[in-house]
Amino acid sequence: MITLYGFDTANTIKIVLLLEELETGYAIRPVNIRQGANREPDFLALNPLGKIPVLVDSGDGGPPVTITESAAILIYLAEKSGGFLPKDEPDRSTTLQWLMVQAASCGPIFGQSEYWHHLASQENPAAIAHYAGLSSRILDDLDRHLANHAFFAGEDYTIADMAHFGWMSRRKKAGLAIGGRQNLRRWYDTIRERPATRRALNRVYGLPGAGPAMH
């Protein structure tokens, strides 16, 4: 049995996208980060850093496997299932490359944009402008890449796309826009229309205490 500890966040959405595509049985344990549930002792026992998502896999008869960090969880599930991560090179490395672009570059910048745009207790125009500029440049780079590729790693939908879609589905909260970026919009709409994507978003935004859907 797979248990996912998460909430209505971009990083949680990434994992639920993959779980729904795999059509595997799983349960979501909501961790309301707005109420500090991620700092409670029971959760810190799973992840001392107090971050979601956390995946616990107890389905193979051995000791449960606990994994933190969304990129690591995506790789674990993809390798275990044999889906959405190519086995052959160079496709495998290309997929991992674009997964890490999201985890190391896009995610942190978009997260800062969301904080200064939406969450900060005091308005800071300089910070808002700074991260808006960085975010806009990243979106332009992604759009340019997708001009020649159906998906981030090529012609197939992979965990790299799921990682990027997590943040793109919540872009409005971070003050991001993709309206004028035709390639990024085409990519986003293609994934949004997948049945598994619709199920995943409904599942995440249906969690107790979750905010309204942003997509």
Protein backbone atom coordinates (compact mmCIF):
# COMPACT_ATOMS: atom_id res chain seq x y z
CA MET A 1 0.00 0.00 0.00
CA ILE A 2 1.24 3.45 -0.90
CA THR A 3 0.48 6.34 1.43
CA LEU A 4 1.19 9.89 0.32
CA TYR A 5 1.40 12.65 2.89
CA GLY A 6 0.65 15.93 1.17
CA PHE A 7 -1.67 18.86 0.64
CA ASP A 8 -2.79 21.24 -2.12
CA THR A 9 0.75 22.12 -3.20
CA ALA A 10 2.59 21.98 -6.50
CA ASN A 11 4.93 19.28 -5.20
CA THR A 12 2.05 17.09 -4.05
CA ILE A 13 0.29 17.47 -7.39
CA LYS A 14 3.35 16.08 -9.19
CA ILE A 15 3.16 12.82 -7.27
CA VAL A 16 -0.60 12.39 -7.58
CA LEU A 17 -0.32 12.91 -11.33
CA LEU A 18 1.99 9.91 -11.55
CA LEU A 19 -0.01 7.75 -9.16
CA GLU A 20 -3.16 8.36 -11.21
CA GLU A 21 -1.37 7.61 -14.47
CA LEU A 22 -0.10 4.34 -12.99
CA GLU A 23 -3.60 3.49 -11.74
CA THR A 24 -2.07 2.11 -8.59
CA GLY A 25 -3.81 1.96 -5.25
CA TYR A 26 -2.84 4.72 -2.86
CA ALA A 27 -4.15 6.83 -0.02
CA ILE A 28 -3.51 10.50 0.69
CA ARG A 29 -3.02 11.64 4.25
CA PRO A 30 -3.66 15.41 4.25
CA VAL A 31 -0.99 17.42 6.06
CA ASN A 32 -2.39 20.92 6.52
CA ILE A 33 0.76 23.00 6.31
CA ARG A 34 -1.24 26.19 6.89
CA GLN A 35 -2.09 24.92 10.36
CA GLY A 36 1.42 23.68 11.08
CA ALA A 37 0.65 19.97 10.80
CA ASN A 38 4.01 19.46 9.07
CA ARG A 39 5.79 20.48 12.30
CA GLU A 40 4.00 17.99 14.53
CA PRO A 41 6.11 15.15 16.02
CA ASP A 42 4.39 12.36 14.09
CA PHE A 43 5.13 14.01 10.77
CA LEU A 44 8.66 15.02 11.71
CA ALA A 45 9.32 11.36 12.41
CA LEU A 46 8.69 10.78 8.71
CA ASN A 47 10.61 13.80 7.48
CA PRO A 48 12.77 15.73 9.96
CA LEU A 49 12.78 18.67 7.53
CA GLY A 50 9.03 19.05 7.93
CA LYS A 51 8.35 19.17 4.18
CA ILE A 52 5.67 17.59 2.07
CA PRO A 53 5.20 15.40 0.16
CA VAL A 54 6.34 12.19 1.82
CA LEU A 55 5.66 8.78 0.34
CA VAL A 56 5.53 5.59 2.39
CA ASP A 57 5.45 2.34 0.42
CA SER A 58 4.63 -0.71 2.53
CA GLY A 59 3.44 -2.97 -0.27
CA ASP A 60 6.33 -5.34 -0.94
CA GLY A 61 6.29 -7.40 2.23
CA GLY A 62 9.52 -5.96 3.56
CA PRO A 63 10.03 -2.93 5.78
CA PRO A 64 8.22 0.21 4.59
CA VAL A 65 10.13 2.50 2.24
CA THR A 66 9.88 6.19 3.16
CA ILE A 67 10.91 8.78 0.59
CA THR A 68 10.96 12.56 0.75
CA GLU A 69 11.56 15.23 -1.93
CA SER A 70 9.19 15.21 -4.87
CA ALA A 71 11.81 14.50 -7.57
CA ALA A 72 13.11 11.50 -5.65
CA ILE A 73 9.57 10.21 -5.18
CA LEU A 74 8.85 10.52 -8.90
CA ILE A 75 12.01 8.59 -9.77
CA TYR A 76 11.23 5.88 -7.21
CA LEU A 77 7.69 5.32 -8.50
CA ALA A 78 8.74 5.45 -12.15
CA GLU A 79 11.55 2.94 -11.64
CA LYS A 80 9.36 0.63 -9.59
CA SER A 81 6.53 0.67 -12.14
CA GLY A 82 8.63 0.83 -15.30
CA GLY A 83 6.60 3.76 -16.60
CA PHE A 84 7.18 7.39 -17.53
CA LEU A 85 10.99 7.20 -17.23
CA PRO A 86 12.80 5.79 -20.27
CA LYS A 87 15.19 2.94 -19.62
CA ASP A 88 17.50 3.62 -22.56
CA GLU A 89 19.98 6.42 -23.07
CA PRO A 90 20.00 9.23 -23.97
CA ASP A 91 16.26 9.48 -23.28
CA ARG A 92 16.65 8.54 -19.62
CA SER A 93 19.28 11.21 -18.95
CA THR A 94 17.28 13.81 -20.87
CA THR A 95 14.22 13.07 -18.74
CA LEU A 96 16.22 13.32 -15.52
CA GLN A 97 17.83 16.53 -16.74
CA TRP A 98 14.48 18.24 -17.24
CA LEU A 99 13.21 16.85 -13.96
CA MET A 100 16.17 18.46 -12.19
CA VAL A 101 15.66 21.72 -14.08
CA GLN A 102 12.26 21.88 -12.44
CA ALA A 103 13.44 20.83 -8.99
CA ALA A 104 16.58 22.97 -8.83
CA SER A 105 15.75 26.00 -10.99
CA CYS A 106 12.07 26.53 -11.76
CA GLY A 107 10.56 25.39 -8.46
CA PRO A 108 12.67 27.54 -6.11
CA ILE A 109 12.19 30.68 -8.23
CA PHE A 110 8.46 30.14 -8.66
CA GLY A 111 8.18 29.45 -4.93
CA GLN A 112 9.81 32.77 -4.11
CA SER A 113 7.52 34.49 -6.59
CA GLU A 114 4.51 32.96 -4.87
CA TYR A 115 5.77 34.01 -1.45
CA TRP A 116 6.36 37.66 -2.33
CA HIS A 117 3.33 37.87 -4.58
CA HIS A 118 0.84 36.14 -2.31
CA LEU A 119 2.08 35.10 1.13
CA ALA A 120 4.41 37.76 2.54
CA SER A 121 2.98 39.68 5.50
CA GLN A 122 4.40 42.94 4.13
CA GLU A 123 4.47 44.00 0.51
CA ASN A 124 7.94 44.28 -0.98
CA PRO A 125 7.74 45.73 -4.51
CA ALA A 126 11.45 45.18 -5.16
CA ALA A 127 11.25 41.48 -4.29
CA ILE A 128 8.03 41.06 -6.28
CA ALA A 129 9.63 42.67 -9.34
CA HIS A 130 12.85 40.69 -8.96
CA TYR A 131 11.21 37.26 -8.83
CA ALA A 132 8.63 38.20 -11.43
CA GLY A 133 11.49 39.01 -13.81
CA LEU A 134 13.32 35.77 -13.07
CA SER A 135 10.11 33.76 -13.44
CA SER A 136 9.26 35.41 -16.74
CA ARG A 137 12.68 34.60 -18.12
CA ILE A 138 12.34 30.95 -17.08
CA LEU A 139 8.91 30.71 -18.72
CA ASP A 140 10.38 32.14 -21.92
CA ASP A 141 13.15 29.53 -21.82
CA LEU A 142 10.65 26.71 -21.31
CA ASP A 143 8.46 28.01 -24.12
CA ARG A 144 11.43 28.17 -26.47
CA HIS A 145 12.42 24.59 -25.65
CA LEU A 146 8.90 23.30 -26.24
CA ALA A 147 8.82 24.90 -29.68
CA ASN A 148 10.74 21.84 -30.92
CA HIS A 149 9.49 19.16 -28.52
CA ALA A 150 6.04 17.77 -27.76
CA PHE A 151 7.09 17.26 -24.14
CA PHE A 152 10.11 18.29 -22.11
CA ALA A 153 12.17 15.17 -22.79
CA GLY A 154 11.02 14.64 -26.36
CA GLU A 155 7.93 13.04 -27.86
CA ASP A 156 6.78 11.10 -24.79
CA TYR A 157 5.06 12.21 -21.60
CA THR A 158 7.37 11.58 -18.63
CA ILE A 159 7.91 12.41 -14.99
CA ALA A 160 9.72 15.56 -16.14
CA ASP A 161 6.43 16.88 -17.50
CA MET A 162 4.57 15.94 -14.34
CA ALA A 163 7.09 17.89 -12.29
CA HIS A 164 6.70 21.02 -14.41
CA PHE A 165 2.92 20.70 -14.57
CA GLY A 166 2.69 20.79 -10.77
CA TRP A 167 3.82 24.40 -10.69
CA MET A 168 2.15 25.41 -13.94
CA SER A 169 -1.21 24.32 -12.55
CA ARG A 170 -0.73 26.78 -9.65
CA ARG A 171 0.92 29.55 -11.66
CA LYS A 172 -1.74 32.16 -10.91
CA LYS A 173 -0.93 32.02 -7.20
CA ALA A 174 2.66 32.90 -8.02
CA GLY A 175 1.71 35.66 -10.42
CA LEU A 176 2.86 33.67 -13.46
CA ALA A 177 1.26 33.81 -16.90
CA ILE A 178 1.56 31.54 -19.92
CA GLY A 179 -1.08 33.14 -22.13
CA GLY A 180 1.35 34.62 -24.66
CA ARG A 181 3.65 31.62 -24.70
CA GLN A 182 2.03 29.40 -27.31
CA ASN A 183 4.28 26.36 -26.95
CA LEU A 184 3.98 26.28 -23.18
CA ARG A 185 0.23 26.75 -23.47
CA ARG A 186 -0.07 23.88 -25.96
CA TRP A 187 1.97 21.62 -23.67
CA TYR A 188 -0.08 22.61 -20.62
CA ASP A 189 -3.44 22.10 -22.31
CA THR A 190 -2.37 18.68 -23.64
CA ILE A 191 -1.55 17.45 -20.14
CA ARG A 192 -4.55 19.11 -18.49
CA GLU A 193 -6.91 17.16 -20.75
CA ARG A 194 -5.52 13.77 -19.79
CA PRO A 195 -8.08 11.81 -17.71
CA ALA A 196 -5.45 11.02 -15.08
CA THR A 197 -4.65 14.72 -14.73
CA ARG A 198 -8.27 15.60 -14.14
CA ARG A 199 -8.55 12.85 -11.53
CA ALA A 200 -5.36 14.00 -9.83
CA LEU A 201 -6.41 17.63 -9.55
CA ASN A 202 -9.84 16.67 -8.25
CA ARG A 203 -8.21 14.42 -5.67
CA VAL A 204 -5.79 17.07 -4.42
CA TYR A 205 -8.24 19.95 -4.29
CA GLY A 206 -10.82 17.71 -2.67
CA LEU A 207 -8.65 17.17 0.41
CA PRO A 208 -10.10 18.51 3.69
CA GLY A 209 -8.90 22.07 4.21
CA ALA A 210 -7.55 22.46 0.68
CA GLY A 211 -7.96 25.77 -1.05
CA PRO A 212 -9.83 26.33 -4.31
CA ALA A 213 -8.44 24.83 -7.50
CA MET A 214 -6.01 27.17 -9.23
CA HIS A 215 -5.85 25.57 -12.67
